[in-house]
């Protein structure tokens, strides 16, 4: 059994399509098919059910996939450890985030201390992040909501209040706080259902006896401030996502606990490089300073 066979097998198992897997591996389809065939011959069983051009893992393939992923995971951790020991200045930190509002400030602080360290950042859905975490393919994730799992280390780094953003000139603009009941007749701009903040807000408003009326629903949280400033509607915006726009007033919610938890996540078995450990320290220090500001 060859390492190349395992790598090709993982690509086909994840994509379930020979043509797409060959494209991702930058090899010919015939070469990929022959490599998978040799692996099946070595094992003495078929690993896939062939359905037209698509392949589906059968019972043998599903069992073998877990072992193959674990084997390649350990080899990759060994490679990372050797790189860290021999060339620490060339390290790259693999990151994934569900929301990027705090990331620029964190990366800026880290870059001041370690200008030679590179980053690769992916903006992912929660489910995509869970997949990468279980595979051990990222050093850290910044996630809201937190994610629990036997192989996932979850550290809550910040309790983020969700504020009400209103434009200057609004009837509430001279206030510092507001009760949810006062918002029942307002029009809102927000993200679509499925985003943590949207689902959390809708749930808490339901407890308060009303459903927010949305005049705009999108998939770009950063756009909400501009819409509020333009007077299109008011918005629920996490404190870490507010900006310095002069024409928006941010109000605290008085009568309900409306917060989101931000967590730093990692795979328990993934090798932690010195750069990654220092990055974790910067993240904890950054959110610690934010916590002091919100007290």
Protein backbone atom coordinates (compact mmCIF):
# COMPACT_ATOMS: atom_id res chain seq x y z
CA UNK A 1 0.00 0.00 0.00
CA UNK A 2 1.39 3.36 -1.06
CA UNK A 3 0.95 6.83 0.42
CA UNK A 4 -0.17 8.12 -2.98
CA UNK A 5 -2.98 5.56 -3.03
CA UNK A 6 -4.29 6.84 0.30
CA UNK A 7 -4.15 10.45 -0.85
CA UNK A 8 -6.03 9.65 -4.04
CA UNK A 9 -8.55 7.54 -2.14
CA UNK A 10 -9.34 10.43 0.24
CA UNK A 11 -9.90 12.83 -2.65
CA UNK A 12 -12.32 10.46 -4.40
CA UNK A 13 -14.09 9.58 -1.13
CA UNK A 14 -14.71 13.26 -0.31
CA UNK A 15 -15.78 14.36 -3.79
CA UNK A 16 -17.44 11.08 -4.89
CA UNK A 17 -16.55 11.88 -8.50
CA UNK A 18 -13.44 10.72 -10.35
CA UNK A 19 -13.30 13.67 -12.76
CA UNK A 20 -13.59 16.27 -9.98
CA UNK A 21 -11.09 14.41 -7.80
CA UNK A 22 -8.59 14.19 -10.67
CA UNK A 23 -8.96 17.92 -11.27
CA UNK A 24 -8.36 18.71 -7.59
CA UNK A 25 -5.24 16.49 -7.57
CA UNK A 26 -3.97 17.83 -10.92
CA UNK A 27 -3.69 14.31 -12.39
CA UNK A 28 -5.38 12.57 -15.28
CA UNK A 29 -8.61 10.71 -14.70
CA UNK A 30 -7.14 7.48 -16.01
CA UNK A 31 -4.16 7.71 -13.65
CA UNK A 32 -6.48 8.30 -10.69
CA UNK A 33 -8.78 5.42 -11.63
CA UNK A 34 -5.83 3.01 -12.00
CA UNK A 35 -4.43 4.05 -8.61
CA UNK A 36 -7.78 3.44 -6.89
CA UNK A 37 -8.08 0.11 -8.68
CA UNK A 38 -4.63 -0.96 -7.43
CA UNK A 39 -5.60 0.00 -3.88
CA UNK A 40 -8.76 -2.10 -4.11
CA UNK A 41 -6.72 -5.00 -5.46
CA UNK A 42 -4.25 -4.66 -2.57
CA UNK A 43 -7.11 -4.73 -0.06
CA UNK A 44 -9.01 -7.48 -1.87
CA UNK A 45 -12.37 -5.66 -1.77
CA UNK A 46 -14.09 -2.85 -3.67
CA UNK A 47 -14.22 0.44 -1.76
CA UNK A 48 -16.84 2.18 -3.90
CA UNK A 49 -20.16 1.45 -5.54
CA UNK A 50 -20.08 2.75 -9.11
CA UNK A 51 -23.19 4.74 -10.11
CA UNK A 52 -22.59 6.14 -13.56
CA UNK A 53 -19.71 8.58 -13.27
CA UNK A 54 -20.20 8.95 -9.56
CA UNK A 55 -18.71 6.80 -6.84
CA UNK A 56 -20.23 6.13 -3.44
CA UNK A 57 -18.33 4.66 -0.53
CA UNK A 58 -19.59 1.20 0.34
CA UNK A 59 -19.31 -0.41 3.77
CA UNK A 60 -15.67 -1.40 3.16
CA UNK A 61 -14.81 2.09 1.92
CA UNK A 62 -16.45 3.84 4.88
CA UNK A 63 -14.50 1.70 7.35
CA UNK A 64 -11.25 2.23 5.48
CA UNK A 65 -11.81 5.98 5.15
CA UNK A 66 -11.64 6.55 8.91
CA UNK A 67 -8.33 4.67 9.13
CA UNK A 68 -6.88 6.39 6.08
CA UNK A 69 -7.79 9.84 7.38
CA UNK A 70 -6.19 9.06 10.72
CA UNK A 71 -3.00 7.74 9.09
CA UNK A 72 -2.59 10.76 6.82
CA UNK A 73 -3.47 13.09 9.69
CA UNK A 74 -0.60 11.69 11.78
CA UNK A 75 1.83 11.95 8.86
CA UNK A 76 0.82 15.57 8.30
CA UNK A 77 1.34 16.35 11.98
CA UNK A 78 4.82 14.85 11.75
CA UNK A 79 5.58 17.00 8.73
CA UNK A 80 4.36 20.13 10.52
CA UNK A 81 6.45 19.34 13.59
CA UNK A 82 9.62 18.91 11.52
CA UNK A 83 8.97 22.20 9.68
CA UNK A 84 8.42 23.95 13.00
CA UNK A 85 11.66 22.60 14.43
CA UNK A 86 13.79 23.24 11.37
CA UNK A 87 12.29 26.44 9.90
CA UNK A 88 10.09 28.21 12.47
CA UNK A 89 10.39 31.50 10.60
CA UNK A 90 8.62 29.98 7.57
CA UNK A 91 5.57 28.77 9.45
CA UNK A 92 2.04 29.38 8.15
CA UNK A 93 -0.97 29.43 10.48
CA UNK A 94 -4.15 27.87 9.10
CA UNK A 95 -7.25 29.70 10.36
CA UNK A 96 -10.98 29.43 9.83
CA UNK A 97 -13.64 31.91 10.98
CA UNK A 98 -17.43 32.08 10.95
CA UNK A 99 -17.33 35.87 11.26
CA UNK A 100 -14.41 38.11 10.33
CA UNK A 101 -15.32 41.26 12.29
CA UNK A 102 -12.57 40.84 14.89
CA UNK A 103 -9.99 39.18 12.67
CA UNK A 104 -8.24 42.25 11.19
CA UNK A 105 -7.43 43.62 14.65
CA UNK A 106 -6.19 40.24 15.88
CA UNK A 107 -3.99 39.67 12.83
CA UNK A 108 -2.64 43.22 13.11
CA UNK A 109 -1.60 42.63 16.72
CA UNK A 110 0.03 39.31 15.86
CA UNK A 111 1.82 40.71 12.80
CA UNK A 112 3.41 43.41 14.98
CA UNK A 113 5.08 40.68 17.05
CA UNK A 114 5.74 38.13 14.28
CA UNK A 115 5.95 39.85 10.87
CA UNK A 116 7.56 36.77 9.30
CA UNK A 117 4.64 34.42 10.02
CA UNK A 118 2.09 33.96 7.22
CA UNK A 119 -1.63 33.27 7.46
CA UNK A 120 -4.16 31.35 5.43
CA UNK A 121 -7.70 32.31 6.48
CA UNK A 122 -10.96 30.73 5.35
CA UNK A 123 -14.43 32.21 5.95
CA UNK A 124 -16.69 29.20 6.48
CA UNK A 125 -20.13 28.14 7.56
CA UNK A 126 -20.39 26.36 10.90
CA UNK A 127 -20.79 22.97 9.21
CA UNK A 128 -17.78 23.53 6.94
CA UNK A 129 -15.74 24.51 9.99
CA UNK A 130 -16.78 21.35 11.85
CA UNK A 131 -15.61 19.24 8.90
CA UNK A 132 -12.17 20.89 8.81
CA UNK A 133 -11.86 20.66 12.59
CA UNK A 134 -12.57 16.93 12.64
CA UNK A 135 -10.03 16.44 9.86
CA UNK A 136 -7.46 18.49 11.77
CA UNK A 137 -6.84 20.69 8.73
CA UNK A 138 -6.77 24.05 10.57
CA UNK A 139 -4.71 25.27 13.52
CA UNK A 140 -7.50 27.33 15.04
CA UNK A 141 -11.06 28.41 14.39
CA UNK A 142 -12.77 31.52 15.68
CA UNK A 143 -16.38 30.49 15.90
CA UNK A 144 -19.71 31.73 17.11
CA UNK A 145 -21.42 29.55 18.22
CA UNK A 146 -18.92 27.40 20.17
CA UNK A 147 -18.56 23.83 18.88
CA UNK A 148 -18.25 20.86 21.21
CA UNK A 149 -16.77 17.44 20.39
CA UNK A 150 -14.57 14.70 21.81
CA UNK A 151 -11.72 15.70 19.50
CA UNK A 152 -12.34 19.47 19.70
CA UNK A 153 -10.87 21.77 22.32
CA UNK A 154 -13.24 24.70 22.85
CA UNK A 155 -12.17 27.84 24.72
CA UNK A 156 -14.73 30.64 25.18
CA UNK A 157 -12.75 33.85 24.68
CA UNK A 158 -15.48 36.50 24.66
CA UNK A 159 -19.10 37.09 25.59
CA UNK A 160 -20.23 39.50 22.89
CA UNK A 161 -23.26 41.71 23.65
CA UNK A 162 -25.65 42.21 20.73
CA UNK A 163 -26.61 45.87 20.42
CA UNK A 164 -29.40 47.75 18.68
CA UNK A 165 -28.09 50.10 15.97
CA UNK A 166 -30.26 53.10 15.06
CA UNK A 167 -29.51 56.04 12.76
CA UNK A 168 -29.07 59.55 14.12
CA UNK A 169 -32.43 61.32 14.03
CA UNK A 170 -34.25 58.13 15.04
CA UNK A 171 -36.65 58.45 17.96
CA UNK A 172 -34.28 56.32 20.09
CA UNK A 173 -31.02 57.97 19.03
CA UNK A 174 -30.68 59.97 22.24
CA UNK A 175 -30.87 56.79 24.35
CA UNK A 176 -28.13 54.45 25.58
CA UNK A 177 -30.42 51.46 26.10
CA UNK A 178 -33.79 50.15 25.02
CA UNK A 179 -36.22 47.37 25.93
CA UNK A 180 -37.21 44.86 23.28
CA UNK A 181 -40.86 45.71 23.74
CA UNK A 182 -40.13 49.22 22.44
CA UNK A 183 -38.90 47.75 19.15
CA UNK A 184 -41.94 45.69 18.15
CA UNK A 185 -43.19 48.25 15.61
CA UNK A 186 -39.78 48.96 14.06
CA UNK A 187 -38.51 47.82 10.66
CA UNK A 188 -35.23 45.91 10.71
CA UNK A 189 -32.34 45.14 8.39
CA UNK A 190 -30.56 41.87 9.10
CA UNK A 191 -28.87 38.75 7.86
CA UNK A 192 -30.81 35.75 6.62
CA UNK A 193 -32.14 32.95 8.78
CA UNK A 194 -29.44 30.41 9.56
CA UNK A 195 -26.92 32.96 10.82
CA UNK A 196 -26.35 32.64 14.56
CA UNK A 197 -27.09 36.29 15.36
CA UNK A 198 -30.33 36.28 13.32
CA UNK A 199 -31.61 33.04 14.85
CA UNK A 200 -30.69 34.18 18.36
CA UNK A 201 -32.36 37.57 17.93
CA UNK A 202 -35.55 36.06 16.48
CA UNK A 203 -35.74 33.61 19.38
CA UNK A 204 -35.29 36.28 22.06
CA UNK A 205 -37.77 38.62 20.35
CA UNK A 206 -40.30 35.79 20.23
CA UNK A 207 -39.91 35.44 24.00
CA UNK A 208 -40.59 39.18 24.24
CA UNK A 209 -43.85 38.69 22.34
CA UNK A 210 -43.13 39.81 18.78
CA UNK A 211 -41.41 38.83 15.55
CA UNK A 212 -39.05 41.43 14.00
CA UNK A 213 -40.26 42.84 10.67
CA UNK A 214 -37.39 42.74 8.17
CA UNK A 215 -37.27 45.14 5.26
CA UNK A 216 -33.90 43.68 4.21
CA UNK A 217 -32.34 40.23 4.68
CA UNK A 218 -28.88 39.51 3.30
CA UNK A 219 -25.77 37.39 3.72
CA UNK A 220 -23.26 40.20 4.29
CA UNK A 221 -23.25 41.27 7.96
CA UNK A 222 -20.83 44.12 7.23
CA UNK A 223 -23.44 45.79 5.00
CA UNK A 224 -25.93 46.31 7.83
CA UNK A 225 -24.27 49.42 9.28
CA UNK A 226 -24.50 51.25 5.95
CA UNK A 227 -28.19 50.35 5.66
CA UNK A 228 -28.86 51.59 9.18
CA UNK A 229 -26.99 54.82 8.48
CA UNK A 230 -29.10 55.31 5.34
CA UNK A 231 -32.27 55.02 7.41
CA UNK A 232 -33.49 51.80 5.75
CA UNK A 233 -34.07 50.13 9.11
CA UNK A 234 -32.53 49.45 12.49
CA UNK A 235 -30.40 46.39 13.20
CA UNK A 236 -29.14 44.01 15.85
CA UNK A 237 -25.34 44.12 15.60
CA UNK A 238 -22.77 42.37 17.86
CA UNK A 239 -20.55 44.79 19.76
CA UNK A 240 -17.44 43.43 18.03
CA UNK A 241 -18.98 44.22 14.61
CA UNK A 242 -19.90 47.85 15.31
CA UNK A 243 -17.83 50.48 13.57
CA UNK A 244 -16.98 54.12 14.08
CA UNK A 245 -19.67 55.52 11.80
CA UNK A 246 -20.65 58.91 13.22
CA UNK A 247 -24.31 58.68 12.23
CA UNK A 248 -25.23 55.51 14.16
CA UNK A 249 -26.14 55.18 17.82
CA UNK A 250 -25.69 51.77 19.50
CA UNK A 251 -28.08 50.87 22.32
CA UNK A 252 -27.84 48.11 24.89
CA UNK A 253 -30.81 45.77 25.37
CA UNK A 254 -32.25 46.30 28.83
CA UNK A 255 -34.60 43.48 29.70
CA UNK A 256 -33.19 40.36 28.00
CA UNK A 257 -29.77 38.74 27.87
CA UNK A 258 -28.81 39.08 24.23
CA UNK A 259 -25.22 37.90 23.77
CA UNK A 260 -23.24 35.54 21.57
CA UNK A 261 -20.25 33.47 22.66
CA UNK A 262 -17.04 33.60 20.62
CA UNK A 263 -14.83 30.53 20.95
CA UNK A 264 -11.32 29.56 19.90
CA UNK A 265 -11.35 25.97 18.64
CA UNK A 266 -8.70 23.42 17.75
CA UNK A 267 -8.35 19.69 17.11
CA UNK A 268 -6.96 18.10 20.27
CA UNK A 269 -4.51 15.92 18.34
CA UNK A 270 -3.25 18.49 15.83
CA UNK A 271 0.35 19.51 16.41
CA UNK A 272 0.57 23.07 17.77
CA UNK A 273 3.53 24.97 16.37
CA UNK A 274 5.25 27.68 18.35
CA UNK A 275 3.70 30.27 16.06
CA UNK A 276 0.23 28.81 16.66
CA UNK A 277 0.75 28.87 20.43
CA UNK A 278 1.77 32.51 20.24
CA UNK A 279 -1.24 33.26 18.07
CA UNK A 280 -3.52 31.75 20.71
CA UNK A 281 -1.92 34.01 23.32
CA UNK A 282 -2.62 37.07 21.15
CA UNK A 283 -6.27 36.03 20.67
CA UNK A 284 -6.83 35.53 24.40
CA UNK A 285 -5.07 38.82 25.22
CA UNK A 286 -7.10 40.71 22.58
CA UNK A 287 -10.48 39.49 23.79
CA UNK A 288 -9.37 39.96 27.40
CA UNK A 289 -8.80 43.65 26.69
CA UNK A 290 -12.22 43.87 25.00
CA UNK A 291 -13.85 42.33 28.06
CA UNK A 292 -12.33 45.00 30.28
CA UNK A 293 -13.68 47.72 27.99
CA UNK A 294 -17.23 46.33 28.16
CA UNK A 295 -17.29 46.06 31.98
